[in-house]
N, C-alpha and C. Protein backbone atom coordinates (compact mmCIF):
# COMPACT_ATOMS: atom_id res chain seq x y z
N MET A 1 -184.85 -71.71 -131.27
CA MET A 1 -186.26 -71.39 -131.29
C MET A 1 -186.73 -71.38 -132.74
N THR A 2 -187.92 -71.86 -132.95
CA THR A 2 -188.46 -71.88 -134.30
C THR A 2 -189.23 -70.59 -134.58
N ALA A 3 -189.34 -70.26 -135.84
CA ALA A 3 -190.09 -69.07 -136.25
C ALA A 3 -191.58 -69.38 -136.21
N PRO A 4 -192.39 -68.38 -135.95
CA PRO A 4 -193.85 -68.60 -135.98
C PRO A 4 -194.31 -69.05 -137.36
N ILE A 5 -195.30 -69.92 -137.36
CA ILE A 5 -195.90 -70.43 -138.59
C ILE A 5 -197.35 -69.95 -138.62
N LYS A 6 -197.77 -69.39 -139.76
CA LYS A 6 -199.16 -68.95 -139.90
C LYS A 6 -200.01 -70.14 -140.33
N ARG A 7 -201.13 -70.28 -139.63
CA ARG A 7 -202.10 -71.33 -139.99
C ARG A 7 -203.50 -70.75 -139.92
N SER A 8 -204.37 -71.30 -140.73
CA SER A 8 -205.77 -70.88 -140.71
C SER A 8 -206.55 -71.76 -139.75
N VAL A 9 -207.40 -71.12 -138.96
CA VAL A 9 -208.31 -71.83 -138.07
C VAL A 9 -209.67 -71.17 -138.19
N VAL A 10 -210.68 -71.88 -137.72
CA VAL A 10 -212.03 -71.33 -137.70
C VAL A 10 -212.38 -71.08 -136.24
N VAL A 11 -212.65 -69.82 -135.93
CA VAL A 11 -212.99 -69.41 -134.57
C VAL A 11 -214.42 -68.90 -134.57
N ALA A 12 -215.28 -69.61 -133.86
CA ALA A 12 -216.70 -69.23 -133.79
C ALA A 12 -217.30 -69.05 -135.18
N GLY A 13 -216.94 -69.93 -136.10
CA GLY A 13 -217.49 -69.90 -137.45
C GLY A 13 -216.81 -68.95 -138.41
N HIS A 14 -215.77 -68.25 -137.97
CA HIS A 14 -215.07 -67.30 -138.82
C HIS A 14 -213.62 -67.74 -139.00
N GLN A 15 -213.16 -67.76 -140.26
CA GLN A 15 -211.79 -68.16 -140.54
C GLN A 15 -210.84 -67.02 -140.20
N THR A 16 -209.73 -67.36 -139.55
CA THR A 16 -208.70 -66.39 -139.20
C THR A 16 -207.34 -67.07 -139.25
N CYS A 17 -206.29 -66.29 -139.31
CA CYS A 17 -204.93 -66.82 -139.30
C CYS A 17 -204.29 -66.56 -137.94
N ILE A 18 -203.55 -67.54 -137.47
CA ILE A 18 -202.84 -67.44 -136.21
C ILE A 18 -201.39 -67.82 -136.46
N SER A 19 -200.48 -67.08 -135.86
CA SER A 19 -199.05 -67.37 -135.95
C SER A 19 -198.57 -67.93 -134.62
N LEU A 20 -198.08 -69.17 -134.66
CA LEU A 20 -197.52 -69.82 -133.47
C LEU A 20 -196.31 -70.63 -133.89
N GLU A 21 -195.36 -70.75 -133.00
CA GLU A 21 -194.21 -71.61 -133.23
C GLU A 21 -194.66 -73.07 -133.21
N GLU A 22 -193.94 -73.91 -133.94
CA GLU A 22 -194.30 -75.33 -134.10
C GLU A 22 -194.53 -76.04 -132.76
N PRO A 23 -193.67 -75.85 -131.74
CA PRO A 23 -193.93 -76.54 -130.46
C PRO A 23 -195.27 -76.16 -129.84
N PHE A 24 -195.69 -74.91 -130.00
CA PHE A 24 -196.99 -74.50 -129.47
C PHE A 24 -198.14 -75.12 -130.26
N TRP A 25 -197.99 -75.18 -131.60
CA TRP A 25 -199.02 -75.84 -132.41
C TRP A 25 -199.16 -77.30 -132.00
N ASN A 26 -198.03 -77.97 -131.84
CA ASN A 26 -198.07 -79.39 -131.47
C ASN A 26 -198.71 -79.60 -130.10
N ALA A 27 -198.33 -78.76 -129.13
CA ALA A 27 -198.90 -78.89 -127.79
C ALA A 27 -200.39 -78.58 -127.80
N LEU A 28 -200.79 -77.57 -128.56
CA LEU A 28 -202.21 -77.22 -128.65
C LEU A 28 -203.01 -78.37 -129.27
N ALA A 29 -202.47 -78.98 -130.30
CA ALA A 29 -203.14 -80.12 -130.93
C ALA A 29 -203.28 -81.29 -129.96
N GLU A 30 -202.24 -81.55 -129.17
CA GLU A 30 -202.29 -82.62 -128.17
C GLU A 30 -203.32 -82.32 -127.09
N LEU A 31 -203.38 -81.07 -126.65
CA LEU A 31 -204.36 -80.68 -125.63
C LEU A 31 -205.78 -80.85 -126.17
N ALA A 32 -206.00 -80.46 -127.41
CA ALA A 32 -207.32 -80.63 -128.02
C ALA A 32 -207.68 -82.11 -128.08
N LYS A 33 -206.74 -82.92 -128.52
CA LYS A 33 -206.96 -84.37 -128.62
C LYS A 33 -207.28 -84.98 -127.25
N SER A 34 -206.54 -84.55 -126.23
CA SER A 34 -206.75 -85.10 -124.89
C SER A 34 -208.11 -84.72 -124.32
N ARG A 35 -208.68 -83.63 -124.81
CA ARG A 35 -210.01 -83.19 -124.37
C ARG A 35 -211.10 -83.64 -125.34
N ASP A 36 -210.71 -84.44 -126.34
CA ASP A 36 -211.64 -84.93 -127.36
C ASP A 36 -212.34 -83.78 -128.08
N LEU A 37 -211.54 -82.76 -128.41
CA LEU A 37 -212.04 -81.59 -129.14
C LEU A 37 -211.25 -81.44 -130.43
N SER A 38 -211.86 -80.76 -131.39
CA SER A 38 -211.10 -80.38 -132.57
C SER A 38 -210.23 -79.18 -132.18
N LEU A 39 -209.19 -78.95 -132.94
CA LEU A 39 -208.33 -77.80 -132.69
C LEU A 39 -209.13 -76.51 -132.80
N ASN A 40 -210.01 -76.43 -133.80
CA ASN A 40 -210.85 -75.24 -133.95
C ASN A 40 -211.74 -75.01 -132.74
N SER A 41 -212.29 -76.09 -132.18
CA SER A 41 -213.15 -75.96 -131.00
C SER A 41 -212.37 -75.46 -129.80
N LEU A 42 -211.17 -75.98 -129.60
CA LEU A 42 -210.35 -75.53 -128.48
C LEU A 42 -209.95 -74.07 -128.66
N VAL A 43 -209.55 -73.68 -129.86
CA VAL A 43 -209.18 -72.28 -130.12
C VAL A 43 -210.38 -71.37 -129.89
N THR A 44 -211.56 -71.79 -130.30
CA THR A 44 -212.78 -71.00 -130.07
C THR A 44 -213.02 -70.83 -128.58
N GLU A 45 -212.84 -71.88 -127.82
CA GLU A 45 -213.02 -71.82 -126.36
C GLU A 45 -212.03 -70.84 -125.73
N ILE A 46 -210.78 -70.92 -126.14
CA ILE A 46 -209.75 -70.01 -125.62
C ILE A 46 -210.06 -68.58 -126.04
N ASP A 47 -210.51 -68.40 -127.26
CA ASP A 47 -210.84 -67.08 -127.78
C ASP A 47 -211.94 -66.41 -126.95
N ARG A 48 -212.92 -67.17 -126.50
CA ARG A 48 -214.02 -66.62 -125.70
C ARG A 48 -213.53 -65.98 -124.41
N ASP A 49 -212.49 -66.55 -123.82
CA ASP A 49 -212.02 -66.11 -122.51
C ASP A 49 -210.81 -65.18 -122.55
N ARG A 50 -210.34 -64.85 -123.73
CA ARG A 50 -209.08 -64.11 -123.83
C ARG A 50 -209.27 -62.61 -123.65
N ARG A 51 -208.14 -62.00 -123.28
CA ARG A 51 -208.01 -60.55 -123.29
C ARG A 51 -206.74 -60.27 -124.09
N GLY A 52 -206.86 -59.53 -125.17
CA GLY A 52 -205.69 -59.22 -125.98
C GLY A 52 -205.53 -60.17 -127.16
N ASN A 53 -204.29 -60.33 -127.58
CA ASN A 53 -203.91 -61.06 -128.78
C ASN A 53 -204.22 -62.56 -128.66
N LEU A 54 -204.83 -63.13 -129.69
CA LEU A 54 -205.20 -64.54 -129.67
C LEU A 54 -203.98 -65.46 -129.65
N SER A 55 -202.96 -65.15 -130.43
CA SER A 55 -201.76 -65.99 -130.43
C SER A 55 -201.13 -66.03 -129.03
N SER A 56 -201.08 -64.90 -128.37
CA SER A 56 -200.54 -64.85 -127.00
C SER A 56 -201.41 -65.66 -126.05
N ALA A 57 -202.72 -65.54 -126.20
CA ALA A 57 -203.64 -66.29 -125.34
C ALA A 57 -203.44 -67.80 -125.53
N LEU A 58 -203.18 -68.23 -126.75
CA LEU A 58 -202.95 -69.65 -127.01
C LEU A 58 -201.64 -70.12 -126.36
N ARG A 59 -200.61 -69.31 -126.44
CA ARG A 59 -199.34 -69.66 -125.80
C ARG A 59 -199.50 -69.77 -124.28
N VAL A 60 -200.22 -68.82 -123.69
CA VAL A 60 -200.45 -68.84 -122.24
C VAL A 60 -201.28 -70.06 -121.86
N TYR A 61 -202.27 -70.40 -122.66
CA TYR A 61 -203.09 -71.59 -122.39
C TYR A 61 -202.23 -72.85 -122.38
N VAL A 62 -201.37 -72.98 -123.37
CA VAL A 62 -200.47 -74.14 -123.45
C VAL A 62 -199.57 -74.18 -122.22
N LEU A 63 -198.97 -73.05 -121.89
CA LEU A 63 -198.07 -72.98 -120.74
C LEU A 63 -198.78 -73.36 -119.45
N LYS A 64 -199.95 -72.78 -119.21
CA LYS A 64 -200.69 -73.08 -117.98
C LYS A 64 -201.11 -74.55 -117.93
N SER A 65 -201.48 -75.10 -119.07
CA SER A 65 -201.87 -76.52 -119.11
C SER A 65 -200.69 -77.42 -118.78
N LEU A 66 -199.53 -77.09 -119.31
CA LEU A 66 -198.33 -77.89 -119.02
C LEU A 66 -197.91 -77.73 -117.55
N GLN A 67 -198.04 -76.53 -117.00
CA GLN A 67 -197.71 -76.32 -115.60
C GLN A 67 -198.68 -77.08 -114.69
N ALA A 68 -199.95 -77.12 -115.06
CA ALA A 68 -200.95 -77.84 -114.27
C ALA A 68 -200.65 -79.34 -114.26
N ASP A 69 -200.13 -79.85 -115.37
CA ASP A 69 -199.76 -81.26 -115.45
C ASP A 69 -198.61 -81.61 -114.53
N ASP A 70 -197.74 -80.60 -114.25
CA ASP A 70 -196.59 -80.82 -113.39
C ASP A 70 -196.96 -80.84 -111.90
N ASP A 71 -198.14 -80.30 -111.57
CA ASP A 71 -198.56 -80.25 -110.16
C ASP A 71 -199.00 -81.59 -109.63
């Protein structure tokens, strides 16, 4: 397992840091690309609907998206 990497993103116009492992960053970037969104736009969208920690919400979003692809 890789260690979390801190990266800066802009969420709803505000810069913040998020820690995610490299596989989650890569999957999130691919999901944004597949939806023709910037990574910041996708993170902002996820942030609007989250309850709790943003990094956790991003991991859950990636997991649910990958599970939906398997159906």
